[in-house]
Amino acid sequence: MEFTAIIKKGEKQFVALCPELDVVSQGRTVDKAIDNLREAVELYIEEMGVPKGTGSRKTIVASFEVDAHAKASPSVG
């Protein structure tokens, strides 16, 4: 079964997220973070089973920018 890993560099380690299961792990290298995430996902599946619909759709991972200086709309009411 194939899952997605989203990896971000933390202060001292890489943090890896599996968005399909909302499972997170970390490691000192990208490879170690993925290895640890794989183990965490296997443990999750062993305990919880595979949620219905998992793996039935391709996951799209995209990034986008937001204007940090954008003003929030005034609240109504």
PDB file of N, CA and C in Angstrom:
ATOM      1  N   MET A   1       0.848  -1.172   0.000  1.00  0.00           N
ATOM      2  CA  MET A   1       0.000   0.000   0.000  1.00  0.00           C
ATOM      3  C   MET A   1       0.896   1.238   0.000  1.00  0.00           C
ATOM      4  N   GLU A   2       0.527   2.213  -0.780  1.00  0.00           N
ATOM      5  CA  GLU A   2       1.344   3.413  -0.931  1.00  0.00           C
ATOM      6  C   GLU A   2       0.727   4.592  -0.174  1.00  0.00           C
ATOM      7  N   PHE A   3       1.575   5.328   0.543  1.00  0.00           N
ATOM      8  CA  PHE A   3       1.156   6.511   1.282  1.00  0.00           C
ATOM      9  C   PHE A   3       2.042   7.693   0.899  1.00  0.00           C
ATOM     10  N   THR A   4       1.620   8.876   1.304  1.00  0.00           N
ATOM     11  CA  THR A   4       2.351  10.110   1.027  1.00  0.00           C
ATOM     12  C   THR A   4       3.151  10.518   2.253  1.00  0.00           C
ATOM     13  N   ALA A   5       4.351  11.051   2.037  1.00  0.00           N
ATOM     14  CA  ALA A   5       5.148  11.624   3.119  1.00  0.00           C
ATOM     15  C   ALA A   5       5.426  13.087   2.775  1.00  0.00           C
ATOM     16  N   ILE A   6       5.037  13.989   3.659  1.00  0.00           N
ATOM     17  CA  ILE A   6       5.351  15.409   3.524  1.00  0.00           C
ATOM     18  C   ILE A   6       6.417  15.707   4.569  1.00  0.00           C
ATOM     19  N   ILE A   7       7.549  16.214   4.125  1.00  0.00           N
ATOM     20  CA  ILE A   7       8.699  16.390   5.019  1.00  0.00           C
ATOM     21  C   ILE A   7       9.080  17.859   5.099  1.00  0.00           C
ATOM     22  N   LYS A   8       9.249  18.325   6.326  1.00  0.00           N
ATOM     23  CA  LYS A   8       9.686  19.703   6.566  1.00  0.00           C
ATOM     24  C   LYS A   8      10.909  19.679   7.466  1.00  0.00           C
ATOM     25  N   LYS A   9      11.801  20.616   7.242  1.00  0.00           N
ATOM     26  CA  LYS A   9      12.992  20.739   8.077  1.00  0.00           C
ATOM     27  C   LYS A   9      12.612  21.472   9.352  1.00  0.00           C
ATOM     28  N   GLY A  10      12.828  20.848  10.480  1.00  0.00           N
ATOM     29  CA  GLY A  10      12.617  21.480  11.776  1.00  0.00           C
ATOM     30  C   GLY A  10      13.914  22.123  12.227  1.00  0.00           C
ATOM     31  N   GLU A  11      13.954  22.547  13.478  1.00  0.00           N
ATOM     32  CA  GLU A  11      15.167  23.183  14.001  1.00  0.00           C
ATOM     33  C   GLU A  11      16.349  22.224  14.031  1.00  0.00           C
ATOM     34  N   LYS A  12      16.110  20.991  14.486  1.00  0.00           N
ATOM     35  CA  LYS A  12      17.200  20.026  14.607  1.00  0.00           C
ATOM     36  C   LYS A  12      16.962  18.736  13.840  1.00  0.00           C
ATOM     37  N   GLN A  13      15.716  18.498  13.419  1.00  0.00           N
ATOM     38  CA  GLN A  13      15.389  17.251  12.747  1.00  0.00           C
ATOM     39  C   GLN A  13      14.417  17.517  11.604  1.00  0.00           C
ATOM     40  N   PHE A  14      14.212  16.502  10.794  1.00  0.00           N
ATOM     41  CA  PHE A  14      13.204  16.552   9.747  1.00  0.00           C
ATOM     42  C   PHE A  14      11.921  15.944  10.304  1.00  0.00           C
ATOM     43  N   VAL A  15      10.791  16.572  10.012  1.00  0.00           N
ATOM     44  CA  VAL A  15       9.492  16.099  10.471  1.00  0.00           C
ATOM     45  C   VAL A  15       8.745  15.563   9.256  1.00  0.00           C
ATOM     46  N   ALA A  16       8.236  14.345   9.372  1.00  0.00           N
ATOM     47  CA  ALA A  16       7.542  13.686   8.268  1.00  0.00           C
ATOM     48  C   ALA A  16       6.087  13.423   8.662  1.00  0.00           C
ATOM     49  N   LEU A  17       5.172  13.792   7.772  1.00  0.00           N
ATOM     50  CA  LEU A  17       3.737  13.623   7.991  1.00  0.00           C
ATOM     51  C   LEU A  17       3.155  12.726   6.918  1.00  0.00           C
ATOM     52  N   CYS A  18       2.335  11.783   7.330  1.00  0.00           N
ATOM     53  CA  CYS A  18       1.532  10.984   6.403  1.00  0.00           C
ATOM     54  C   CYS A  18       0.121  11.565   6.465  1.00  0.00           C
ATOM     55  N   PRO A  19      -0.276  12.395   5.473  1.00  0.00           N
ATOM     56  CA  PRO A  19      -1.573  13.077   5.558  1.00  0.00           C
ATOM     57  C   PRO A  19      -2.784  12.147   5.468  1.00  0.00           C
ATOM     58  N   GLU A  20      -2.639  11.004   4.818  1.00  0.00           N
ATOM     59  CA  GLU A  20      -3.771  10.085   4.695  1.00  0.00           C
ATOM     60  C   GLU A  20      -4.217   9.553   6.057  1.00  0.00           C
ATOM     61  N   LEU A  21      -3.254   9.375   6.974  1.00  0.00           N
ATOM     62  CA  LEU A  21      -3.561   8.808   8.289  1.00  0.00           C
ATOM     63  C   LEU A  21      -3.358   9.807   9.423  1.00  0.00           C
ATOM     64  N   ASP A  22      -2.826  10.983   9.110  1.00  0.00           N
ATOM     65  CA  ASP A  22      -2.499  12.004  10.100  1.00  0.00           C
ATOM     66  C   ASP A  22      -1.508  11.455  11.130  1.00  0.00           C
ATOM     67  N   VAL A  23      -0.476  10.774  10.622  1.00  0.00           N
ATOM     68  CA  VAL A  23       0.583  10.202  11.450  1.00  0.00           C
ATOM     69  C   VAL A  23       1.853  11.011  11.195  1.00  0.00           C
ATOM     70  N   VAL A  24       2.577  11.333  12.264  1.00  0.00           N
ATOM     71  CA  VAL A  24       3.788  12.150  12.169  1.00  0.00           C
ATOM     72  C   VAL A  24       4.939  11.431  12.844  1.00  0.00           C
ATOM     73  N   SER A  25       6.141  11.613  12.294  1.00  0.00           N
ATOM     74  CA  SER A  25       7.359  11.115  12.918  1.00  0.00           C
ATOM     75  C   SER A  25       8.490  12.073  12.565  1.00  0.00           C
ATOM     76  N   GLN A  26       9.700  11.763  13.009  1.00  0.00           N
ATOM     77  CA  GLN A  26      10.832  12.641  12.734  1.00  0.00           C
ATOM     78  C   GLN A  26      12.122  11.842  12.677  1.00  0.00           C
ATOM     79  N   GLY A  27      13.175  12.477  12.180  1.00  0.00           N
ATOM     80  CA  GLY A  27      14.486  11.855  12.105  1.00  0.00           C
ATOM     81  C   GLY A  27      15.548  12.894  11.798  1.00  0.00           C
ATOM     82  N   ARG A  28      16.798  12.566  12.070  1.00  0.00           N
ATOM     83  CA  ARG A  28      17.904  13.514  11.845  1.00  0.00           C
ATOM     84  C   ARG A  28      18.190  13.751  10.372  1.00  0.00           C
ATOM     85  N   THR A  29      17.794  12.798   9.511  1.00  0.00           N
ATOM     86  CA  THR A  29      17.943  12.947   8.068  1.00  0.00           C
ATOM     87  C   THR A  29      16.578  12.702   7.415  1.00  0.00           C
ATOM     88  N   VAL A  30      16.444  13.073   6.151  1.00  0.00           N
ATOM     89  CA  VAL A  30      15.193  12.815   5.431  1.00  0.00           C
ATOM     90  C   VAL A  30      14.921  11.312   5.387  1.00  0.00           C
ATOM     91  N   ASP A  31      15.941  10.530   5.069  1.00  0.00           N
ATOM     92  CA  ASP A  31      15.762   9.078   4.990  1.00  0.00           C
ATOM     93  C   ASP A  31      15.330   8.486   6.329  1.00  0.00           C
ATOM     94  N   LYS A  32      15.930   8.958   7.421  1.00  0.00           N
ATOM     95  CA  LYS A  32      15.574   8.451   8.749  1.00  0.00           C
ATOM     96  C   LYS A  32      14.158   8.880   9.119  1.00  0.00           C
ATOM     97  N   ALA A  33      13.764  10.096   8.746  1.00  0.00           N
ATOM     98  CA  ALA A  33      12.398  10.561   9.013  1.00  0.00           C
ATOM     99  C   ALA A  33      11.392   9.685   8.268  1.00  0.00           C
ATOM    100  N   ILE A  34      11.702   9.336   7.030  1.00  0.00           N
ATOM    101  CA  ILE A  34      10.807   8.466   6.249  1.00  0.00           C
ATOM    102  C   ILE A  34      10.778   7.062   6.848  1.00  0.00           C
ATOM    103  N   ASP A  35      11.929   6.533   7.228  1.00  0.00           N
ATOM    104  CA  ASP A  35      11.967   5.212   7.870  1.00  0.00           C
ATOM    105  C   ASP A  35      11.115   5.193   9.132  1.00  0.00           C
ATOM    106  N   ASN A  36      11.264   6.231   9.960  1.00  0.00           N
ATOM    107  CA  ASN A  36      10.497   6.315  11.200  1.00  0.00           C
ATOM    108  C   ASN A  36       9.006   6.491  10.919  1.00  0.00           C
ATOM    109  N   LEU A  37       8.676   7.254   9.877  1.00  0.00           N
ATOM    110  CA  LEU A  37       7.273   7.419   9.499  1.00  0.00           C
ATOM    111  C   LEU A  37       6.693   6.094   9.019  1.00  0.00           C
ATOM    112  N   ARG A  38       7.455   5.366   8.229  1.00  0.00           N
ATOM    113  CA  ARG A  38       7.002   4.050   7.749  1.00  0.00           C
ATOM    114  C   ARG A  38       6.678   3.144   8.941  1.00  0.00           C
ATOM    115  N   GLU A  39       7.560   3.129   9.926  1.00  0.00           N
ATOM    116  CA  GLU A  39       7.340   2.309  11.119  1.00  0.00           C
ATOM    117  C   GLU A  39       6.094   2.775  11.881  1.00  0.00           C
ATOM    118  N   ALA A  40       5.924   4.095  12.017  1.00  0.00           N
ATOM    119  CA  ALA A  40       4.752   4.635  12.719  1.00  0.00           C
ATOM    120  C   ALA A  40       3.462   4.290  11.981  1.00  0.00           C
ATOM    121  N   VAL A  41       3.487   4.350  10.657  1.00  0.00           N
ATOM    122  CA  VAL A  41       2.305   4.006   9.860  1.00  0.00           C
ATOM    123  C   VAL A  41       1.994   2.518   9.999  1.00  0.00           C
ATOM    124  N   GLU A  42       3.012   1.684   9.970  1.00  0.00           N
ATOM    125  CA  GLU A  42       2.797   0.242  10.146  1.00  0.00           C
ATOM    126  C   GLU A  42       2.164  -0.052  11.504  1.00  0.00           C
ATOM    127  N   LEU A  43       2.644   0.628  12.559  1.00  0.00           N
ATOM    128  CA  LEU A  43       2.073   0.441  13.891  1.00  0.00           C
ATOM    129  C   LEU A  43       0.627   0.941  13.939  1.00  0.00           C
ATOM    130  N   TYR A  44       0.373   2.065  13.289  1.00  0.00           N
ATOM    131  CA  TYR A  44      -0.981   2.609  13.233  1.00  0.00           C
ATOM    132  C   TYR A  44      -1.926   1.599  12.588  1.00  0.00           C
ATOM    133  N   ILE A  45      -1.519   1.078  11.439  1.00  0.00           N
ATOM    134  CA  ILE A  45      -2.353   0.118  10.710  1.00  0.00           C
ATOM    135  C   ILE A  45      -2.553  -1.157  11.528  1.00  0.00           C
ATOM    136  N   GLU A  46      -1.506  -1.593  12.217  1.00  0.00           N
ATOM    137  CA  GLU A  46      -1.598  -2.789  13.052  1.00  0.00           C
ATOM    138  C   GLU A  46      -2.639  -2.596  14.166  1.00  0.00           C
ATOM    139  N   GLU A  47      -2.655  -1.402  14.760  1.00  0.00           N
ATOM    140  CA  GLU A  47      -3.577  -1.118  15.868  1.00  0.00           C
ATOM    141  C   GLU A  47      -4.979  -0.728  15.403  1.00  0.00           C
ATOM    142  N   MET A  48      -5.057   0.129  14.387  1.00  0.00           N
ATOM    143  CA  MET A  48      -6.320   0.745  13.992  1.00  0.00           C
ATOM    144  C   MET A  48      -6.920   0.161  12.713  1.00  0.00           C
ATOM    145  N   GLY A  49      -6.101  -0.533  11.936  1.00  0.00           N
ATOM    146  CA  GLY A  49      -6.550  -0.998  10.633  1.00  0.00           C
ATOM    147  C   GLY A  49      -6.424   0.119   9.608  1.00  0.00           C
ATOM    148  N   VAL A  50      -6.681  -0.202   8.365  1.00  0.00           N
ATOM    149  CA  VAL A  50      -6.607   0.792   7.295  1.00  0.00           C
ATOM    150  C   VAL A  50      -7.978   1.449   7.167  1.00  0.00           C
ATOM    151  N   PRO A  51      -8.053   2.779   7.317  1.00  0.00           N
ATOM    152  CA  PRO A  51      -9.347   3.454   7.188  1.00  0.00           C
ATOM    153  C   PRO A  51      -9.939   3.252   5.799  1.00  0.00           C
ATOM    154  N   LYS A  52     -11.268   3.164   5.718  1.00  0.00           N
ATOM    155  CA  LYS A  52     -11.944   3.014   4.431  1.00  0.00           C
ATOM    156  C   LYS A  52     -11.599   4.183   3.533  1.00  0.00           C
ATOM    157  N   GLY A  53     -11.394   3.902   2.267  1.00  0.00           N
ATOM    158  CA  GLY A  53     -11.088   4.940   1.297  1.00  0.00           C
ATOM    159  C   GLY A  53      -9.611   5.265   1.186  1.00  0.00           C
ATOM    160  N   THR A  54      -8.794   4.784   2.110  1.00  0.00           N
ATOM    161  CA  THR A  54      -7.359   5.050   2.042  1.00  0.00           C
ATOM    162  C   THR A  54      -6.763   4.304   0.863  1.00  0.00           C
ATOM    163  N   GLY A  55      -5.999   5.017   0.070  1.00  0.00           N
ATOM    164  CA  GLY A  55      -5.357   4.414  -1.080  1.00  0.00           C
ATOM    165  C   GLY A  55      -6.231   4.372  -2.321  1.00  0.00           C
ATOM    166  N   SER A  56      -7.495   4.797  -2.188  1.00  0.00           N
ATOM    167  CA  SER A  56      -8.376   4.750  -3.354  1.00  0.00           C
ATOM    168  C   SER A  56      -8.230   5.990  -4.234  1.00  0.00           C
ATOM    169  N   ARG A  57      -7.609   7.044  -3.714  1.00  0.00           N
ATOM    170  CA  ARG A  57      -7.419   8.272  -4.489  1.00  0.00           C
ATOM    171  C   ARG A  57      -5.958   8.682  -4.431  1.00  0.00           C
ATOM    172  N   LYS A  58      -5.515   9.314  -5.486  1.00  0.00           N
ATOM    173  CA  LYS A  58      -4.176   9.879  -5.496  1.00  0.00           C
ATOM    174  C   LYS A  58      -4.190  11.161  -4.676  1.00  0.00           C
ATOM    175  N   THR A  59      -3.148  11.394  -3.908  1.00  0.00           N
ATOM    176  CA  THR A  59      -3.033  12.605  -3.115  1.00  0.00           C
ATOM    177  C   THR A  59      -2.287  13.652  -3.908  1.00  0.00           C
ATOM    178  N   ILE A  60      -2.783  14.871  -3.888  1.00  0.00           N
ATOM    179  CA  ILE A  60      -2.100  15.989  -4.528  1.00  0.00           C
ATOM    180  C   ILE A  60      -1.488  16.844  -3.432  1.00  0.00           C
ATOM    181  N   VAL A  61      -0.190  17.056  -3.514  1.00  0.00           N
ATOM    182  CA  VAL A  61       0.501  17.914  -2.560  1.00  0.00           C
ATOM    183  C   VAL A  61       0.957  19.142  -3.328  1.00  0.00           C
ATOM    184  N   ALA A  62       0.528  20.310  -2.870  1.00  0.00           N
ATOM    185  CA  ALA A  62       0.861  21.559  -3.554  1.00  0.00           C
ATOM    186  C   ALA A  62       1.276  22.604  -2.534  1.00  0.00           C
ATOM    187  N   SER A  63       2.051  23.554  -2.966  1.00  0.00           N
ATOM    188  CA  SER A  63       2.395  24.679  -2.093  1.00  0.00           C
ATOM    189  C   SER A  63       1.876  25.955  -2.729  1.00  0.00           C
ATOM    190  N   PHE A  64       1.627  26.954  -1.913  1.00  0.00           N
ATOM    191  CA  PHE A  64       1.150  28.238  -2.405  1.00  0.00           C
ATOM    192  C   PHE A  64       1.617  29.330  -1.462  1.00  0.00           C
ATOM    193  N   GLU A  65       1.630  30.545  -1.956  1.00  0.00           N
ATOM    194  CA  GLU A  65       2.077  31.677  -1.159  1.00  0.00           C
ATOM    195  C   GLU A  65       0.888  32.543  -0.769  1.00  0.00           C
ATOM    196  N   VAL A  66       1.021  33.198   0.369  1.00  0.00           N
ATOM    197  CA  VAL A  66       0.016  34.128   0.861  1.00  0.00           C
ATOM    198  C   VAL A  66       0.730  35.435   1.163  1.00  0.00           C
ATOM    199  N   ASP A  67       0.110  36.551   0.809  1.00  0.00           N
ATOM    200  CA  ASP A  67       0.678  37.857   1.108  1.00  0.00           C
ATOM    201  C   ASP A  67       0.648  38.056   2.621  1.00  0.00           C
ATOM    202  N   ALA A  68       1.811  38.130   3.231  1.00  0.00           N
ATOM    203  CA  ALA A  68       1.907  38.271   4.672  1.00  0.00           C
ATOM    204  C   ALA A  68       1.381  39.612   5.148  1.00  0.00           C
ATOM    205  N   HIS A  69       1.245  40.575   4.249  1.00  0.00           N
ATOM    206  CA  HIS A  69       0.799  41.918   4.630  1.00  0.00           C
ATOM    207  C   HIS A  69      -0.676  42.141   4.306  1.00  0.00           C
ATOM    208  N   ALA A  70      -1.377  41.098   3.901  1.00  0.00           N
ATOM    209  CA  ALA A  70      -2.794  41.241   3.565  1.00  0.00           C
ATOM    210  C   ALA A  70      -3.572  41.557   4.834  1.00  0.00           C
ATOM    211  N   LYS A  71      -4.530  42.460   4.693  1.00  0.00           N
ATOM    212  CA  LYS A  71      -5.365  42.827   5.857  1.00  0.00           C
ATOM    213  C   LYS A  71      -6.567  41.905   5.918  1.00  0.00           C
ATOM    214  N   ALA A  72      -6.914  41.539   7.135  1.00  0.00           N
ATOM    215  CA  ALA A  72      -8.103  40.723   7.330  1.00  0.00           C
ATOM    216  C   ALA A  72      -9.346  41.578   7.119  1.00  0.00           C
ATOM    217  N   SER A  73     -10.398  40.973   6.592  1.00  0.00           N
ATOM    218  CA  SER A  73     -11.658  41.692   6.391  1.00  0.00           C
ATOM    219  C   SER A  73     -12.270  42.004   7.750  1.00  0.00           C
ATOM    220  N   PRO A  74     -12.888  43.159   7.900  1.00  0.00           N
ATOM    221  CA  PRO A  74     -13.537  43.461   9.177  1.00  0.00           C
ATOM    222  C   PRO A  74     -14.686  42.482   9.419  1.00  0.00           C
ATOM    223  N   SER A  75     -14.848  42.086  10.643  1.00  0.00           N
ATOM    224  CA  SER A  75     -15.913  41.120  10.945  1.00  0.00           C
ATOM    225  C   SER A  75     -17.275  41.805  10.884  1.00  0.00           C
ATOM    226  N   VAL A  76     -18.234  41.063  10.424  1.00  0.00           N
ATOM    227  CA  VAL A  76     -19.592  41.583  10.268  1.00  0.00           C
ATOM    228  C   VAL A  76     -20.394  41.199  11.508  1.00  0.00           C
ATOM    229  N   GLY A  77     -21.163  42.140  12.008  1.00  0.00           N
ATOM    230  CA  GLY A  77     -22.034  41.780  13.107  1.00  0.00           C
ATOM    231  C   GLY A  77     -21.772  42.551  14.282  1.00  0.00           C
TER     232      GLY A  77
END
